[in-house]
mmCIF file of all heavy atoms, coordinates in Angstrom:
data_MODEL
# 
_entry.id   MODEL 
# 
loop_
_atom_site.group_PDB 
_atom_site.id 
_atom_site.type_symbol 
_atom_site.label_atom_id 
_atom_site.label_alt_id 
_atom_site.label_comp_id 
_atom_site.label_asym_id 
_atom_site.label_entity_id 
_atom_site.label_seq_id 
_atom_site.pdbx_PDB_ins_code 
_atom_site.Cartn_x 
_atom_site.Cartn_y 
_atom_site.Cartn_z 
_atom_site.occupancy 
_atom_site.B_iso_or_equiv 
_atom_site.pdbx_formal_charge 
_atom_site.auth_seq_id 
_atom_site.auth_comp_id 
_atom_site.auth_asym_id 
_atom_site.auth_atom_id 
_atom_site.pdbx_PDB_model_num 
ATOM 1   N N   . ASN A 1 1  ? 50.053 -21.551 -77.010 1.00 0.00 ? 1  ASN A N   1 
ATOM 2   C CA  . ASN A 1 1  ? 49.347 -20.418 -76.399 1.00 0.00 ? 1  ASN A CA  1 
ATOM 3   C C   . ASN A 1 1  ? 48.682 -19.537 -77.456 1.00 0.00 ? 1  ASN A C   1 
ATOM 4   O O   . ASN A 1 1  ? 47.577 -19.022 -77.252 1.00 0.00 ? 1  ASN A O   1 
ATOM 5   C CB  . ASN A 1 1  ? 50.311 -19.568 -75.573 1.00 0.00 ? 1  ASN A CB  1 
ATOM 6   C CG  . ASN A 1 1  ? 50.764 -20.265 -74.296 1.00 0.00 ? 1  ASN A CG  1 
ATOM 7   O OD1 . ASN A 1 1  ? 50.092 -21.177 -73.812 1.00 0.00 ? 1  ASN A OD1 1 
ATOM 8   N ND2 . ASN A 1 1  ? 51.888 -19.849 -73.747 1.00 0.00 ? 1  ASN A ND2 1 
ATOM 9   N N   . LYS A 1 2  ? 49.343 -19.376 -78.592 1.00 0.00 ? 2  LYS A N   1 
ATOM 10  C CA  . LYS A 1 2  ? 48.787 -18.556 -79.670 1.00 0.00 ? 2  LYS A CA  1 
ATOM 11  C C   . LYS A 1 2  ? 47.465 -19.154 -80.163 1.00 0.00 ? 2  LYS A C   1 
ATOM 12  O O   . LYS A 1 2  ? 46.489 -18.433 -80.428 1.00 0.00 ? 2  LYS A O   1 
ATOM 13  C CB  . LYS A 1 2  ? 49.804 -18.468 -80.819 1.00 0.00 ? 2  LYS A CB  1 
ATOM 14  C CG  . LYS A 1 2  ? 49.579 -17.328 -81.788 1.00 0.00 ? 2  LYS A CG  1 
ATOM 15  C CD  . LYS A 1 2  ? 50.722 -17.216 -82.787 1.00 0.00 ? 2  LYS A CD  1 
ATOM 16  C CE  . LYS A 1 2  ? 52.012 -16.789 -82.111 1.00 0.00 ? 2  LYS A CE  1 
ATOM 17  N NZ  . LYS A 1 2  ? 53.108 -16.579 -83.102 1.00 0.00 ? 2  LYS A NZ  1 
ATOM 18  N N   . ALA A 1 3  ? 47.430 -20.482 -80.269 1.00 0.00 ? 3  ALA A N   1 
ATOM 19  C CA  . ALA A 1 3  ? 46.216 -21.154 -80.744 1.00 0.00 ? 3  ALA A CA  1 
ATOM 20  C C   . ALA A 1 3  ? 45.127 -21.173 -79.671 1.00 0.00 ? 3  ALA A C   1 
ATOM 21  O O   . ALA A 1 3  ? 43.951 -20.920 -79.967 1.00 0.00 ? 3  ALA A O   1 
ATOM 22  C CB  . ALA A 1 3  ? 46.550 -22.578 -81.179 1.00 0.00 ? 3  ALA A CB  1 
ATOM 23  N N   . THR A 1 4  ? 45.499 -21.457 -78.435 1.00 0.00 ? 4  THR A N   1 
ATOM 24  C CA  . THR A 1 4  ? 44.476 -21.576 -77.389 1.00 0.00 ? 4  THR A CA  1 
ATOM 25  C C   . THR A 1 4  ? 43.892 -20.222 -77.005 1.00 0.00 ? 4  THR A C   1 
ATOM 26  O O   . THR A 1 4  ? 42.777 -20.158 -76.493 1.00 0.00 ? 4  THR A O   1 
ATOM 27  C CB  . THR A 1 4  ? 45.026 -22.284 -76.134 1.00 0.00 ? 4  THR A CB  1 
ATOM 28  O OG1 . THR A 1 4  ? 46.170 -21.572 -75.635 1.00 0.00 ? 4  THR A OG1 1 
ATOM 29  C CG2 . THR A 1 4  ? 45.416 -23.730 -76.445 1.00 0.00 ? 4  THR A CG2 1 
ATOM 30  N N   . ARG A 1 5  ? 44.611 -19.138 -77.269 1.00 0.00 ? 5  ARG A N   1 
ATOM 31  C CA  . ARG A 1 5  ? 44.032 -17.804 -77.032 1.00 0.00 ? 5  ARG A CA  1 
ATOM 32  C C   . ARG A 1 5  ? 42.837 -17.562 -77.944 1.00 0.00 ? 5  ARG A C   1 
ATOM 33  O O   . ARG A 1 5  ? 41.959 -16.765 -77.614 1.00 0.00 ? 5  ARG A O   1 
ATOM 34  C CB  . ARG A 1 5  ? 45.098 -16.717 -77.258 1.00 0.00 ? 5  ARG A CB  1 
ATOM 35  C CG  . ARG A 1 5  ? 46.082 -16.555 -76.116 1.00 0.00 ? 5  ARG A CG  1 
ATOM 36  C CD  . ARG A 1 5  ? 47.141 -15.524 -76.441 1.00 0.00 ? 5  ARG A CD  1 
ATOM 37  N NE  . ARG A 1 5  ? 48.334 -15.713 -75.611 1.00 0.00 ? 5  ARG A NE  1 
ATOM 38  C CZ  . ARG A 1 5  ? 49.569 -15.447 -76.017 1.00 0.00 ? 5  ARG A CZ  1 
ATOM 39  N NH1 . ARG A 1 5  ? 49.784 -14.967 -77.240 1.00 0.00 ? 5  ARG A NH1 1 
ATOM 40  N NH2 . ARG A 1 5  ? 50.590 -15.645 -75.219 1.00 0.00 ? 5  ARG A NH2 1 
ATOM 41  N N   . ARG A 1 6  ? 42.812 -18.234 -79.085 1.00 0.00 ? 6  ARG A N   1 
ATOM 42  C CA  . ARG A 1 6  ? 41.673 -18.136 -80.004 1.00 0.00 ? 6  ARG A CA  1 
ATOM 43  C C   . ARG A 1 6  ? 40.622 -19.190 -79.666 1.00 0.00 ? 6  ARG A C   1 
ATOM 44  O O   . ARG A 1 6  ? 39.428 -18.941 -79.776 1.00 0.00 ? 6  ARG A O   1 
ATOM 45  C CB  . ARG A 1 6  ? 42.157 -18.303 -81.449 1.00 0.00 ? 6  ARG A CB  1 
ATOM 46  C CG  . ARG A 1 6  ? 43.003 -17.136 -81.939 1.00 0.00 ? 6  ARG A CG  1 
ATOM 47  C CD  . ARG A 1 6  ? 43.749 -17.444 -83.244 1.00 0.00 ? 6  ARG A CD  1 
ATOM 48  N NE  . ARG A 1 6  ? 42.880 -18.027 -84.260 1.00 0.00 ? 6  ARG A NE  1 
ATOM 49  C CZ  . ARG A 1 6  ? 43.095 -19.211 -84.831 1.00 0.00 ? 6  ARG A CZ  1 
ATOM 50  N NH1 . ARG A 1 6  ? 44.137 -19.932 -84.480 1.00 0.00 ? 6  ARG A NH1 1 
ATOM 51  N NH2 . ARG A 1 6  ? 42.271 -19.663 -85.755 1.00 0.00 ? 6  ARG A NH2 1 
ATOM 52  N N   . LEU A 1 7  ? 41.085 -20.375 -79.279 1.00 0.00 ? 7  LEU A N   1 
ATOM 53  C CA  . LEU A 1 7  ? 40.165 -21.491 -79.028 1.00 0.00 ? 7  LEU A CA  1 
ATOM 54  C C   . LEU A 1 7  ? 39.386 -21.354 -77.720 1.00 0.00 ? 7  LEU A C   1 
ATOM 55  O O   . LEU A 1 7  ? 38.142 -21.505 -77.705 1.00 0.00 ? 7  LEU A O   1 
ATOM 56  C CB  . LEU A 1 7  ? 40.943 -22.810 -79.019 1.00 0.00 ? 7  LEU A CB  1 
ATOM 57  C CG  . LEU A 1 7  ? 40.163 -24.064 -78.596 1.00 0.00 ? 7  LEU A CG  1 
ATOM 58  C CD1 . LEU A 1 7  ? 39.050 -24.379 -79.590 1.00 0.00 ? 7  LEU A CD1 1 
ATOM 59  C CD2 . LEU A 1 7  ? 41.123 -25.253 -78.447 1.00 0.00 ? 7  LEU A CD2 1 
ATOM 60  N N   . PHE A 1 8  ? 40.073 -21.084 -76.614 1.00 0.00 ? 8  PHE A N   1 
ATOM 61  C CA  . PHE A 1 8  ? 39.426 -21.157 -75.298 1.00 0.00 ? 8  PHE A CA  1 
ATOM 62  C C   . PHE A 1 8  ? 38.281 -20.156 -75.090 1.00 0.00 ? 8  PHE A C   1 
ATOM 63  O O   . PHE A 1 8  ? 37.297 -20.497 -74.420 1.00 0.00 ? 8  PHE A O   1 
ATOM 64  C CB  . PHE A 1 8  ? 40.465 -21.026 -74.179 1.00 0.00 ? 8  PHE A CB  1 
ATOM 65  C CG  . PHE A 1 8  ? 41.356 -22.234 -74.030 1.00 0.00 ? 8  PHE A CG  1 
ATOM 66  C CD1 . PHE A 1 8  ? 42.606 -22.123 -73.414 1.00 0.00 ? 8  PHE A CD1 1 
ATOM 67  C CD2 . PHE A 1 8  ? 40.956 -23.489 -74.474 1.00 0.00 ? 8  PHE A CD2 1 
ATOM 68  C CE1 . PHE A 1 8  ? 43.430 -23.231 -73.265 1.00 0.00 ? 8  PHE A CE1 1 
ATOM 69  C CE2 . PHE A 1 8  ? 41.768 -24.600 -74.333 1.00 0.00 ? 8  PHE A CE2 1 
ATOM 70  C CZ  . PHE A 1 8  ? 43.007 -24.471 -73.727 1.00 0.00 ? 8  PHE A CZ  1 
ATOM 71  N N   . PRO A 1 9  ? 38.355 -18.935 -75.623 1.00 0.00 ? 9  PRO A N   1 
ATOM 72  C CA  . PRO A 1 9  ? 37.201 -18.044 -75.454 1.00 0.00 ? 9  PRO A CA  1 
ATOM 73  C C   . PRO A 1 9  ? 35.931 -18.578 -76.126 1.00 0.00 ? 9  PRO A C   1 
ATOM 74  O O   . PRO A 1 9  ? 34.824 -18.209 -75.751 1.00 0.00 ? 9  PRO A O   1 
ATOM 75  C CB  . PRO A 1 9  ? 37.662 -16.734 -76.109 1.00 0.00 ? 9  PRO A CB  1 
ATOM 76  C CG  . PRO A 1 9  ? 39.157 -16.768 -76.033 1.00 0.00 ? 9  PRO A CG  1 
ATOM 77  C CD  . PRO A 1 9  ? 39.503 -18.207 -76.235 1.00 0.00 ? 9  PRO A CD  1 
ATOM 78  N N   . VAL A 1 10 ? 36.103 -19.449 -77.107 1.00 0.00 ? 10 VAL A N   1 
ATOM 79  C CA  . VAL A 1 10 ? 34.973 -20.014 -77.846 1.00 0.00 ? 10 VAL A CA  1 
ATOM 80  C C   . VAL A 1 10 ? 34.559 -21.368 -77.271 1.00 0.00 ? 10 VAL A C   1 
ATOM 81  O O   . VAL A 1 10 ? 33.370 -21.679 -77.157 1.00 0.00 ? 10 VAL A O   1 
ATOM 82  C CB  . VAL A 1 10 ? 35.343 -20.179 -79.344 1.00 0.00 ? 10 VAL A CB  1 
ATOM 83  C CG1 . VAL A 1 10 ? 34.215 -20.848 -80.113 1.00 0.00 ? 10 VAL A CG1 1 
ATOM 84  C CG2 . VAL A 1 10 ? 35.687 -18.832 -79.947 1.00 0.00 ? 10 VAL A CG2 1 
ATOM 85  N N   . ALA A 1 11 ? 35.551 -22.179 -76.900 1.00 0.00 ? 11 ALA A N   1 
ATOM 86  C CA  . ALA A 1 11 ? 35.277 -23.532 -76.401 1.00 0.00 ? 11 ALA A CA  1 
ATOM 87  C C   . ALA A 1 11 ? 36.348 -23.939 -75.400 1.00 0.00 ? 11 ALA A C   1 
ATOM 88  O O   . ALA A 1 11 ? 37.492 -24.170 -75.791 1.00 0.00 ? 11 ALA A O   1 
ATOM 89  C CB  . ALA A 1 11 ? 35.237 -24.523 -77.567 1.00 0.00 ? 11 ALA A CB  1 
ATOM 90  N N   . ASN A 1 12 ? 35.978 -24.000 -74.117 1.00 0.00 ? 12 ASN A N   1 
ATOM 91  C CA  . ASN A 1 12 ? 36.961 -24.391 -73.095 1.00 0.00 ? 12 ASN A CA  1 
ATOM 92  C C   . ASN A 1 12 ? 36.406 -25.438 -72.128 1.00 0.00 ? 12 ASN A C   1 
ATOM 93  O O   . ASN A 1 12 ? 36.855 -25.546 -70.988 1.00 0.00 ? 12 ASN A O   1 
ATOM 94  C CB  . ASN A 1 12 ? 37.476 -23.173 -72.323 1.00 0.00 ? 12 ASN A CB  1 
ATOM 95  C CG  . ASN A 1 12 ? 36.403 -22.556 -71.442 1.00 0.00 ? 12 ASN A CG  1 
ATOM 96  O OD1 . ASN A 1 12 ? 35.211 -22.796 -71.636 1.00 0.00 ? 12 ASN A OD1 1 
ATOM 97  N ND2 . ASN A 1 12 ? 36.828 -21.764 -70.467 1.00 0.00 ? 12 ASN A ND2 1 
ATOM 98  N N   . THR A 1 13 ? 35.413 -26.215 -72.608 1.00 0.00 ? 13 THR A N   1 
ATOM 99  C CA  . THR A 1 13 ? 34.912 -27.367 -71.852 1.00 0.00 ? 13 THR A CA  1 
ATOM 100 C C   . THR A 1 13 ? 34.820 -28.539 -72.823 1.00 0.00 ? 13 THR A C   1 
ATOM 101 O O   . THR A 1 13 ? 34.763 -28.339 -74.050 1.00 0.00 ? 13 THR A O   1 
ATOM 102 C CB  . THR A 1 13 ? 33.518 -27.113 -71.260 1.00 0.00 ? 13 THR A CB  1 
ATOM 103 O OG1 . THR A 1 13 ? 32.568 -26.998 -72.346 1.00 0.00 ? 13 THR A OG1 1 
ATOM 104 C CG2 . THR A 1 13 ? 33.483 -25.852 -70.400 1.00 0.00 ? 13 THR A CG2 1 
ATOM 105 N N   . PRO A 1 14 ? 34.794 -29.778 -72.314 1.00 0.00 ? 14 PRO A N   1 
ATOM 106 C CA  . PRO A 1 14 ? 34.694 -30.928 -73.220 1.00 0.00 ? 14 PRO A CA  1 
ATOM 107 C C   . PRO A 1 14 ? 33.473 -30.850 -74.136 1.00 0.00 ? 14 PRO A C   1 
ATOM 108 O O   . PRO A 1 14 ? 33.587 -31.112 -75.343 1.00 0.00 ? 14 PRO A O   1 
ATOM 109 C CB  . PRO A 1 14 ? 34.606 -32.119 -72.257 1.00 0.00 ? 14 PRO A CB  1 
ATOM 110 C CG  . PRO A 1 14 ? 35.327 -31.662 -71.032 1.00 0.00 ? 14 PRO A CG  1 
ATOM 111 C CD  . PRO A 1 14 ? 35.009 -30.207 -70.917 1.00 0.00 ? 14 PRO A CD  1 
ATOM 112 N N   . GLN A 1 15 ? 32.324 -30.462 -73.591 1.00 0.00 ? 15 GLN A N   1 
ATOM 113 C CA  . GLN A 1 15 ? 31.115 -30.402 -74.419 1.00 0.00 ? 15 GLN A CA  1 
ATOM 114 C C   . GLN A 1 15 ? 31.225 -29.319 -75.484 1.00 0.00 ? 15 GLN A C   1 
ATOM 115 O O   . GLN A 1 15 ? 30.800 -29.507 -76.637 1.00 0.00 ? 15 GLN A O   1 
ATOM 116 C CB  . GLN A 1 15 ? 29.877 -30.170 -73.549 1.00 0.00 ? 15 GLN A CB  1 
ATOM 117 C CG  . GLN A 1 15 ? 28.552 -30.277 -74.319 1.00 0.00 ? 15 GLN A CG  1 
ATOM 118 C CD  . GLN A 1 15 ? 28.368 -31.644 -74.967 1.00 0.00 ? 15 GLN A CD  1 
ATOM 119 O OE1 . GLN A 1 15 ? 28.377 -32.666 -74.281 1.00 0.00 ? 15 GLN A OE1 1 
ATOM 120 N NE2 . GLN A 1 15 ? 28.216 -31.674 -76.293 1.00 0.00 ? 15 GLN A NE2 1 
ATOM 121 N N   . ALA A 1 16 ? 31.805 -28.191 -75.123 1.00 0.00 ? 16 ALA A N   1 
ATOM 122 C CA  . ALA A 1 16 ? 31.953 -27.096 -76.093 1.00 0.00 ? 16 ALA A CA  1 
ATOM 123 C C   . ALA A 1 16 ? 32.890 -27.489 -77.234 1.00 0.00 ? 16 ALA A C   1 
ATOM 124 O O   . ALA A 1 16 ? 32.657 -27.116 -78.396 1.00 0.00 ? 16 ALA A O   1 
ATOM 125 C CB  . ALA A 1 16 ? 32.472 -25.838 -75.393 1.00 0.00 ? 16 ALA A CB  1 
ATOM 126 N N   . ILE A 1 17 ? 33.937 -28.249 -76.913 1.00 0.00 ? 17 ILE A N   1 
ATOM 127 C CA  . ILE A 1 17 ? 34.838 -28.735 -77.966 1.00 0.00 ? 17 ILE A CA  1 
ATOM 128 C C   . ILE A 1 17 ? 34.086 -29.694 -78.886 1.00 0.00 ? 17 ILE A C   1 
ATOM 129 O O   . ILE A 1 17 ? 34.185 -29.621 -80.118 1.00 0.00 ? 17 ILE A O   1 
ATOM 130 C CB  . ILE A 1 17 ? 36.064 -29.451 -77.362 1.00 0.00 ? 17 ILE A CB  1 
ATOM 131 C CG1 . ILE A 1 17 ? 36.941 -28.470 -76.554 1.00 0.00 ? 17 ILE A CG1 1 
ATOM 132 C CG2 . ILE A 1 17 ? 36.889 -30.147 -78.452 1.00 0.00 ? 17 ILE A CG2 1 
ATOM 133 C CD1 . ILE A 1 17 ? 37.794 -27.533 -77.350 1.00 0.00 ? 17 ILE A CD1 1 
ATOM 134 N N   . LEU A 1 18 ? 33.304 -30.601 -78.291 1.00 0.00 ? 18 LEU A N   1 
ATOM 135 C CA  . LEU A 1 18 ? 32.509 -31.535 -79.102 1.00 0.00 ? 18 LEU A CA  1 
ATOM 136 C C   . LEU A 1 18 ? 31.538 -30.779 -80.015 1.00 0.00 ? 18 LEU A C   1 
ATOM 137 O O   . LEU A 1 18 ? 31.332 -31.154 -81.169 1.00 0.00 ? 18 LEU A O   1 
ATOM 138 C CB  . LEU A 1 18 ? 31.742 -32.503 -78.194 1.00 0.00 ? 18 LEU A CB  1 
ATOM 139 C CG  . LEU A 1 18 ? 32.583 -33.539 -77.439 1.00 0.00 ? 18 LEU A CG  1 
ATOM 140 C CD1 . LEU A 1 18 ? 31.708 -34.314 -76.454 1.00 0.00 ? 18 LEU A CD1 1 
ATOM 141 C CD2 . LEU A 1 18 ? 33.261 -34.498 -78.404 1.00 0.00 ? 18 LEU A CD2 1 
ATOM 142 N N   . ASP A 1 19 ? 30.960 -29.722 -79.485 1.00 0.00 ? 19 ASP A N   1 
ATOM 143 C CA  . ASP A 1 19 ? 29.998 -28.944 -80.264 1.00 0.00 ? 19 ASP A CA  1 
ATOM 144 C C   . ASP A 1 19 ? 30.645 -28.253 -81.470 1.00 0.00 ? 19 ASP A C   1 
ATOM 145 O O   . ASP A 1 19 ? 29.968 -27.964 -82.461 1.00 0.00 ? 19 ASP A O   1 
ATOM 146 C CB  . ASP A 1 19 ? 29.309 -27.901 -79.376 1.00 0.00 ? 19 ASP A CB  1 
ATOM 147 C CG  . ASP A 1 19 ? 28.376 -28.530 -78.336 1.00 0.00 ? 19 ASP A CG  1 
ATOM 148 O OD1 . ASP A 1 19 ? 28.031 -29.720 -78.504 1.00 0.00 ? 19 ASP A OD1 1 
ATOM 149 O OD2 . ASP A 1 19 ? 28.021 -27.847 -77.358 1.00 0.00 ? 19 ASP A OD2 1 
ATOM 150 N N   . LEU A 1 20 ? 31.951 -27.979 -81.362 1.00 0.00 ? 20 LEU A N   1 
ATOM 151 C CA  . LEU A 1 20 ? 32.649 -27.368 -82.496 1.00 0.00 ? 20 LEU A CA  1 
ATOM 152 C C   . LEU A 1 20 ? 32.708 -28.316 -83.686 1.00 0.00 ? 20 LEU A C   1 
ATOM 153 O O   . LEU A 1 20 ? 32.703 -27.875 -84.838 1.00 0.00 ? 20 LEU A O   1 
ATOM 154 C CB  . LEU A 1 20 ? 34.100 -27.016 -82.115 1.00 0.00 ? 20 LEU A CB  1 
ATOM 155 C CG  . LEU A 1 20 ? 34.386 -25.733 -81.348 1.00 0.00 ? 20 LEU A CG  1 
ATOM 156 C CD1 . LEU A 1 20 ? 35.877 -25.629 -81.082 1.00 0.00 ? 20 LEU A CD1 1 
ATOM 157 C CD2 . LEU A 1 20 ? 33.890 -24.512 -82.094 1.00 0.00 ? 20 LEU A CD2 1 
ATOM 158 N N   . GLY A 1 21 ? 32.809 -29.618 -83.403 1.00 0.00 ? 21 GLY A N   1 
ATOM 159 C CA  . GLY A 1 21 ? 33.019 -30.591 -84.464 1.00 0.00 ? 21 GLY A CA  1 
ATOM 160 C C   . GLY A 1 21 ? 34.492 -30.643 -84.842 1.00 0.00 ? 21 GLY A C   1 
ATOM 161 O O   . GLY A 1 21 ? 35.268 -29.717 -84.547 1.00 0.00 ? 21 GLY A O   1 
ATOM 162 N N   . LEU A 1 22 ? 34.893 -31.727 -85.490 1.00 0.00 ? 22 LEU A N   1 
ATOM 163 C CA  . LEU A 1 22 ? 36.307 -31.928 -85.808 1.00 0.00 ? 22 LEU A CA  1 
ATOM 164 C C   . LEU A 1 22 ? 36.862 -30.826 -86.700 1.00 0.00 ? 22 LEU A C   1 
ATOM 165 O O   . LEU A 1 22 ? 37.931 -30.260 -86.415 1.00 0.00 ? 22 LEU A O   1 
ATOM 166 C CB  . LEU A 1 22 ? 36.504 -33.295 -86.473 1.00 0.00 ? 22 LEU A CB  1 
ATOM 167 C CG  . LEU A 1 22 ? 37.953 -33.674 -86.807 1.00 0.00 ? 22 LEU A CG  1 
ATOM 168 C CD1 . LEU A 1 22 ? 38.809 -33.708 -85.549 1.00 0.00 ? 22 LEU A CD1 1 
ATOM 169 C CD2 . LEU A 1 22 ? 38.000 -35.018 -87.525 1.00 0.00 ? 22 LEU A CD2 1 
ATOM 170 N N   . GLU A 1 23 ? 36.156 -30.483 -87.766 1.00 0.00 ? 23 GLU A N   1 
ATOM 171 C CA  . GLU A 1 23 ? 36.655 -29.443 -88.670 1.00 0.00 ? 23 GLU A CA  1 
ATOM 172 C C   . GLU A 1 23 ? 36.725 -28.088 -87.984 1.00 0.00 ? 23 GLU A C   1 
ATOM 173 O O   . GLU A 1 23 ? 37.668 -27.317 -88.202 1.00 0.00 ? 23 GLU A O   1 
ATOM 174 C CB  . GLU A 1 23 ? 35.774 -29.355 -89.919 1.00 0.00 ? 23 GLU A CB  1 
ATOM 175 C CG  . GLU A 1 23 ? 35.969 -30.500 -90.888 1.00 0.00 ? 23 GLU A CG  1 
ATOM 176 C CD  . GLU A 1 23 ? 35.235 -30.270 -92.203 1.00 0.00 ? 23 GLU A CD  1 
ATOM 177 O OE1 . GLU A 1 23 ? 34.818 -29.122 -92.460 1.00 0.00 ? 23 GLU A OE1 1 
ATOM 178 O OE2 . GLU A 1 23 ? 35.082 -31.249 -92.955 1.00 0.00 ? 23 GLU A OE2 1 
ATOM 179 N N   . GLY A 1 24 ? 35.744 -27.807 -87.148 1.00 0.00 ? 24 GLY A N   1 
ATOM 180 C CA  . GLY A 1 24 ? 35.754 -26.541 -86.417 1.00 0.00 ? 24 GLY A CA  1 
ATOM 181 C C   . GLY A 1 24 ? 36.950 -26.444 -85.491 1.00 0.00 ? 24 GLY A C   1 
ATOM 182 O O   . GLY A 1 24 ? 37.622 -25.406 -85.427 1.00 0.00 ? 24 GLY A O   1 
ATOM 183 N N   . LEU A 1 25 ? 37.242 -27.553 -84.787 1.00 0.00 ? 25 LEU A N   1 
ATOM 184 C CA  . LEU A 1 25 ? 38.398 -27.579 -83.886 1.00 0.00 ? 25 LEU A CA  1 
ATOM 185 C C   . LEU A 1 25 ? 39.692 -27.414 -84.671 1.00 0.00 ? 25 LEU A C   1 
ATOM 186 O O   . LEU A 1 25 ? 40.576 -26.643 -84.274 1.00 0.00 ? 25 LEU A O   1 
ATOM 187 C CB  . LEU A 1 25 ? 38.406 -28.884 -83.092 1.00 0.00 ? 25 LEU A CB  1 
ATOM 188 C CG  . LEU A 1 25 ? 39.618 -29.125 -82.186 1.00 0.00 ? 25 LEU A CG  1 
ATOM 189 C CD1 . LEU A 1 25 ? 39.762 -28.017 -81.140 1.00 0.00 ? 25 LEU A CD1 1 
ATOM 190 C CD2 . LEU A 1 25 ? 39.507 -30.491 -81.502 1.00 0.00 ? 25 LEU A CD2 1 
ATOM 191 N N   . GLU A 1 26 ? 39.810 -28.118 -85.788 1.00 0.00 ? 26 GLU A N   1 
ATOM 192 C CA  . GLU A 1 26 ? 41.023 -28.024 -86.601 1.00 0.00 ? 26 GLU A CA  1 
ATOM 193 C C   . GLU A 1 26 ? 41.284 -26.586 -87.039 1.00 0.00 ? 26 GLU A C   1 
ATOM 194 O O   . GLU A 1 26 ? 42.437 -26.144 -87.103 1.00 0.00 ? 26 GLU A O   1 
ATOM 195 C CB  . GLU A 1 26 ? 40.902 -28.926 -87.833 1.00 0.00 ? 26 GLU A CB  1 
ATOM 196 C CG  . GLU A 1 26 ? 41.041 -30.405 -87.527 1.00 0.00 ? 26 GLU A CG  1 
ATOM 197 C CD  . GLU A 1 26 ? 40.893 -31.281 -88.765 1.00 0.00 ? 26 GLU A CD  1 
ATOM 198 O OE1 . GLU A 1 26 ? 40.521 -30.732 -89.834 1.00 0.00 ? 26 GLU A OE1 1 
ATOM 199 O OE2 . GLU A 1 26 ? 41.143 -32.494 -88.666 1.00 0.00 ? 26 GLU A OE2 1 
ATOM 200 N N   . GLY A 1 27 ? 40.220 -25.854 -87.319 1.00 0.00 ? 27 GLY A N   1 
ATOM 201 C CA  . GLY A 1 27 ? 40.375 -24.470 -87.748 1.00 0.00 ? 27 GLY A CA  1 
ATOM 202 C C   . GLY A 1 27 ? 41.069 -23.600 -86.699 1.00 0.00 ? 27 GLY A C   1 
ATOM 203 O O   . GLY A 1 27 ? 41.802 -22.667 -87.049 1.00 0.00 ? 27 GLY A O   1 
ATOM 204 N N   . TYR A 1 28 ? 40.864 -23.926 -85.428 1.00 0.00 ? 28 TYR A N   1 
ATOM 205 C CA  . TYR A 1 28 ? 41.472 -23.140 -84.350 1.00 0.00 ? 28 TYR A CA  1 
ATOM 206 C C   . TYR A 1 28 ? 42.916 -23.544 -84.061 1.00 0.00 ? 28 TYR A C   1 
ATOM 207 O O   . TYR A 1 28 ? 43.697 -22.734 -83.564 1.00 0.00 ? 28 TYR A O   1 
ATOM 208 C CB  . TYR A 1 28 ? 40.650 -23.267 -83.067 1.00 0.00 ? 28 TYR A CB  1 
ATOM 209 C CG  . TYR A 1 28 ? 39.389 -22.428 -83.069 1.00 0.00 ? 28 TYR A CG  1 
ATOM 210 C CD1 . TYR A 1 28 ? 38.151 -22.998 -83.346 1.00 0.00 ? 28 TYR A CD1 1 
ATOM 211 C CD2 . TYR A 1 28 ? 39.441 -21.056 -82.815 1.00 0.00 ? 28 TYR A CD2 1 
ATOM 212 C CE1 . TYR A 1 28 ? 36.990 -22.239 -83.360 1.00 0.00 ? 28 TYR A CE1 1 
ATOM 213 C CE2 . TYR A 1 28 ? 38.287 -20.282 -82.825 1.00 0.00 ? 28 TYR A CE2 1 
ATOM 214 C CZ  . TYR A 1 28 ? 37.069 -20.876 -83.102 1.00 0.00 ? 28 TYR A CZ  1 
ATOM 215 O OH  . TYR A 1 28 ? 35.926 -20.106 -83.124 1.00 0.00 ? 28 TYR A OH  1 
# 
């Protein structure tokens, strides 16, 4: 929950996650 509170406001759809890129996702 601590991580997804940061991730989901930025990317909470499959396409938005893809747009982050692997390194971007890892950062969250």
